[in-house]
Each structure stands twice: as C-alpha cells, then as structure tokens.
C-alpha cells in the first residue's frame, strides 16, 4: 500500500493508504496546497465531487478543510475498499463513496455540485468526456468551480470554460475553471 497525507484542516497530517495501481497518481502535496489555497473562498460548506477519486486525497482534503460533503467516485473495487477504510479511519461521516465509472455516475446522477475535482488518468479521453458531461448536464450551477488536472502534453479542451487560476508543476497542469454561462 502507498500513502498520501492530508495537508491541512481537522485531519491535518493524517495518512491515507491507497493501493498500488498503474493509473493512480495522487496530486502531490505542493500542488494540493496550491489548489486548496485557491479554493479557500469556495470551500466552506461546499458540496464536492471527486470524480476520479483514486487515493481520495482531493475529496478527503476538501472535507478536512470545511466542505459540507464529498462524494468520491471510482470504478476500481480495490480502490473503493481503500477509500471506505480511510473514511472510517478518519471519521469522514459526510462522505459518500460510489463505485461507478465517471461516465455512468454523471449519467445517473442529477445533483449539482459546488466544486468538482477532475483528475483522471492522463492517457485517456476521460477528461474530455467529463468536461463535456459537466458542461452540458445538470451537475453545475453558475458559481460551480471545476478543478482540472492534466498533462501539459495533453491540455484539456476548455471551449465553453473560463480559466480562473492555472499553474504548472513539472509535467502537470492544474486549473480552476468555470462554465461560461
């Protein structure tokens, strides 16, 4: 098992264990610190969706820093078990863990979210499909923020989105975007 730590908030320094999977690439501490500094104004009481949860670092960090609830979605049963164990270990009571593909989850769920985290495997079309589904579906309200993490070599298609903040850490591009209304 691998580990990632929660950086700040009520579960500061708590470690989250996650399985060794080739597509699992937790957002590094430095990048997460930057992203959550950016999100500070929106996070308190927010409803968050971590669509490619993996290690759960983004979803659990959001809860640790004041989000009202977080839904963590992943399609790997081993990853789901690790997320459930981590939620129990830290006492994350306002955390829903859902086993589903991102596409199936967005098709079957009509909730809207305040903050959505998109950090899919870089070598797939999942980011483009997810942005399309979020941009055209009921999942966002006009003030919703979407965090997009991608390879600098495969920039996301952001037609119809406004970039609020952007940074690069090595080969990883991190952006906060909002749907153009």
Protein backbone atom coordinates (compact mmCIF):
# COMPACT_ATOMS: atom_id res chain seq x y z
CA UNK A 1 0.00 0.00 0.00
CA UNK A 2 1.05 3.59 -0.71
CA UNK A 3 0.28 6.62 1.44
CA UNK A 4 -0.60 10.26 0.97
CA UNK A 5 -1.19 12.72 3.79
CA UNK A 6 -3.90 15.27 4.37
CA UNK A 7 -2.18 18.65 4.40
CA UNK A 8 -4.45 20.87 6.47
CA UNK A 9 -7.70 21.16 8.41
CA UNK A 10 -9.21 18.91 11.05
CA UNK A 11 -7.42 15.79 9.74
CA UNK A 12 -4.08 17.50 9.19
CA UNK A 13 -1.15 15.06 8.92
CA UNK A 14 -3.46 12.01 8.80
CA UNK A 15 -2.29 9.46 6.27
CA UNK A 16 -4.47 7.82 3.67
CA UNK A 17 -3.45 4.39 2.38
CA UNK A 18 -4.16 3.56 -1.25
CA UNK A 19 -3.41 0.54 -3.43
CA UNK A 20 -0.67 0.34 -6.00
CA UNK A 21 -2.40 0.85 -9.34
CA UNK A 22 -0.70 1.97 -12.58
CA UNK A 23 -3.25 4.73 -13.23
CA UNK A 24 -3.29 6.02 -9.65
CA UNK A 25 -1.32 9.24 -9.41
CA UNK A 26 -2.19 11.28 -6.30
CA UNK A 27 -1.93 15.03 -6.62
CA UNK A 28 1.40 15.93 -4.93
CA UNK A 29 1.35 17.85 -1.63
CA UNK A 30 2.67 21.07 -3.17
CA UNK A 31 0.08 21.07 -5.95
CA UNK A 32 -2.74 20.22 -3.49
CA UNK A 33 -1.66 23.05 -1.19
CA UNK A 34 -1.85 25.49 -4.11
CA UNK A 35 -5.24 24.21 -5.26
CA UNK A 36 -6.77 24.36 -1.80
CA UNK A 37 -5.39 27.86 -1.25
CA UNK A 38 -7.17 28.82 -4.48
CA UNK A 39 -10.38 27.13 -3.30
CA UNK A 40 -10.40 28.64 0.19
CA UNK A 41 -13.13 31.18 -0.66
CA UNK A 42 -15.48 28.48 -2.02
CA UNK A 43 -14.76 25.52 0.26
CA UNK A 44 -16.62 26.26 3.50
CA UNK A 45 -19.90 24.33 3.39
CA UNK A 46 -19.35 23.21 -0.22
CA UNK A 47 -20.73 20.08 -1.85
CA UNK A 48 -17.75 18.44 -3.54
CA UNK A 49 -17.46 15.71 -6.16
CA UNK A 50 -14.16 13.87 -6.60
CA UNK A 51 -14.97 12.14 -9.89
CA UNK A 52 -11.78 10.07 -10.23
CA UNK A 53 -11.12 9.62 -6.52
CA UNK A 54 -8.15 7.24 -6.62
CA UNK A 55 -6.31 7.88 -3.35
CA UNK A 56 -9.13 10.15 -2.15
CA UNK A 57 -6.65 12.93 -1.40
CA UNK A 58 -8.73 15.68 -3.03
CA UNK A 59 -12.09 14.62 -1.58
CA UNK A 60 -10.80 13.96 1.94
CA UNK A 61 -8.73 17.16 1.90
CA UNK A 62 -11.85 19.15 0.97
CA UNK A 63 -13.75 17.65 3.92
CA UNK A 64 -10.81 18.29 6.24
CA UNK A 65 -10.86 21.97 5.22
CA UNK A 66 -14.56 22.61 5.74
CA UNK A 67 -16.59 21.17 2.86
CA UNK A 68 -20.04 20.06 4.00
CA UNK A 69 -19.95 16.84 2.00
CA UNK A 70 -17.91 14.98 -0.58
CA UNK A 71 -18.77 12.22 -2.99
CA UNK A 72 -15.81 10.12 -4.11
CA UNK A 73 -16.31 8.11 -7.31
CA UNK A 74 -14.06 5.37 -8.66
CA UNK A 75 -14.63 2.21 -10.67
CA UNK A 76 -11.90 0.01 -9.15
CA UNK A 77 -13.23 -2.25 -6.35
CA UNK A 78 -9.83 -2.37 -4.61
CA UNK A 79 -9.65 1.43 -4.63
CA UNK A 80 -13.23 1.63 -3.29
CA UNK A 81 -12.33 -0.65 -0.35
CA UNK A 82 -9.31 1.54 0.48
CA UNK A 83 -11.47 4.71 0.29
CA UNK A 84 -14.04 3.14 2.62
CA UNK A 85 -11.34 2.11 5.10
CA UNK A 86 -9.81 5.60 5.02
CA UNK A 87 -13.21 7.24 5.55
CA UNK A 88 -13.82 5.01 8.60
CA UNK A 89 -10.30 5.60 9.97
CA UNK A 90 -10.56 9.40 9.91
CA UNK A 91 -14.27 9.59 10.76
CA UNK A 92 -15.42 11.11 7.47
CA UNK A 93 -19.16 10.94 8.11
CA UNK A 94 -20.26 13.29 5.31
CA UNK A 95 -18.50 11.26 2.66
CA UNK A 96 -20.26 9.10 0.07
CA UNK A 97 -18.12 6.57 -1.76
CA UNK A 98 -19.57 5.34 -5.04
CA UNK A 99 -18.31 2.53 -7.25
CA UNK A 100 -19.03 3.62 -10.81
CA UNK A 101 -17.31 4.90 -13.89
CA UNK A 102 -17.31 8.69 -14.15
CA UNK A 103 -19.48 8.50 -17.26
CA UNK A 104 -22.09 6.23 -15.61
CA UNK A 105 -22.12 8.34 -12.45
CA UNK A 106 -22.75 11.56 -14.37
CA UNK A 107 -25.46 9.89 -16.48
CA UNK A 108 -27.34 8.50 -13.47
CA UNK A 109 -26.93 11.39 -11.03
CA UNK A 110 -28.59 14.78 -11.44
CA UNK A 111 -27.23 16.57 -8.37
CA UNK A 112 -25.37 19.82 -8.74
CA UNK A 113 -22.01 20.37 -7.08
CA UNK A 114 -20.19 23.45 -5.83
CA UNK A 115 -16.72 22.03 -6.53
CA UNK A 116 -15.80 19.18 -8.86
CA UNK A 117 -12.35 17.60 -8.94
CA UNK A 118 -11.30 16.10 -12.31
CA UNK A 119 -8.02 14.23 -12.15
CA UNK A 120 -8.40 11.22 -14.48
CA UNK A 121 -5.60 9.07 -15.90
CA UNK A 122 -3.71 11.28 -18.33
CA UNK A 123 -3.55 8.74 -21.16
CA UNK A 124 -7.31 8.58 -21.71
CA UNK A 125 -10.17 10.62 -23.12
CA UNK A 126 -11.88 10.66 -19.71
CA UNK A 127 -11.11 14.32 -19.05
CA UNK A 128 -12.69 15.48 -22.30
CA UNK A 129 -15.77 13.29 -21.78
CA UNK A 130 -16.17 14.51 -18.20
CA UNK A 131 -15.84 18.18 -19.13
CA UNK A 132 -18.45 17.68 -21.87
CA UNK A 133 -20.86 15.97 -19.48
CA UNK A 134 -20.36 18.61 -16.79
CA UNK A 135 -20.66 21.45 -19.28
CA UNK A 136 -23.96 20.27 -20.71
CA UNK A 137 -25.58 18.46 -17.80
CA UNK A 138 -27.29 19.49 -14.56
CA UNK A 139 -24.22 18.95 -12.36
CA UNK A 140 -23.05 22.55 -12.13
CA UNK A 141 -24.72 25.80 -11.11
CA UNK A 142 -23.41 29.17 -12.37
CA UNK A 143 -20.95 29.55 -9.46
CA UNK A 144 -19.58 25.98 -9.54
CA UNK A 145 -15.82 25.57 -9.74
CA UNK A 146 -14.09 22.67 -11.51
CA UNK A 147 -10.51 21.68 -10.72
CA UNK A 148 -8.85 20.15 -13.77
CA UNK A 149 -5.53 18.30 -13.56
CA UNK A 150 -3.90 17.23 -16.81
CA UNK A 151 -0.61 16.57 -18.52
CA UNK A 152 0.97 19.68 -20.02
CA UNK A 153 1.48 17.50 -23.11
CA UNK A 154 -2.29 16.85 -23.43
CA UNK A 155 -4.04 20.10 -22.48
CA UNK A 156 -7.77 19.77 -21.79
CA UNK A 157 -10.33 21.10 -24.26
CA UNK A 158 -11.66 24.16 -22.46
CA UNK A 159 -14.02 25.66 -25.04
CA UNK A 160 -17.01 26.89 -23.06
CA UNK A 161 -14.95 27.24 -19.87
CA UNK A 162 -13.25 30.24 -18.24
CA UNK A 163 -9.93 29.67 -16.52
CA UNK A 164 -9.82 31.31 -13.07
CA UNK A 165 -6.40 30.09 -11.93
CA UNK A 166 -3.69 28.00 -13.51
CA UNK A 167 -0.29 26.64 -12.57
CA UNK A 168 2.20 24.05 -13.69
CA UNK A 169 4.19 21.64 -11.54
CA UNK A 170 6.62 19.64 -13.67
CA UNK A 171 4.57 17.97 -16.40
CA UNK A 172 1.25 18.54 -14.60
CA UNK A 173 -1.10 21.44 -15.38
CA UNK A 174 -3.60 22.42 -12.64
CA UNK A 175 -6.50 24.74 -13.38
CA UNK A 176 -9.63 26.08 -11.77
CA UNK A 177 -12.32 26.64 -14.38
CA UNK A 178 -15.94 27.74 -14.51
CA UNK A 179 -18.51 27.02 -17.18
CA UNK A 180 -19.25 30.00 -19.39
CA UNK A 181 -22.89 30.86 -18.77
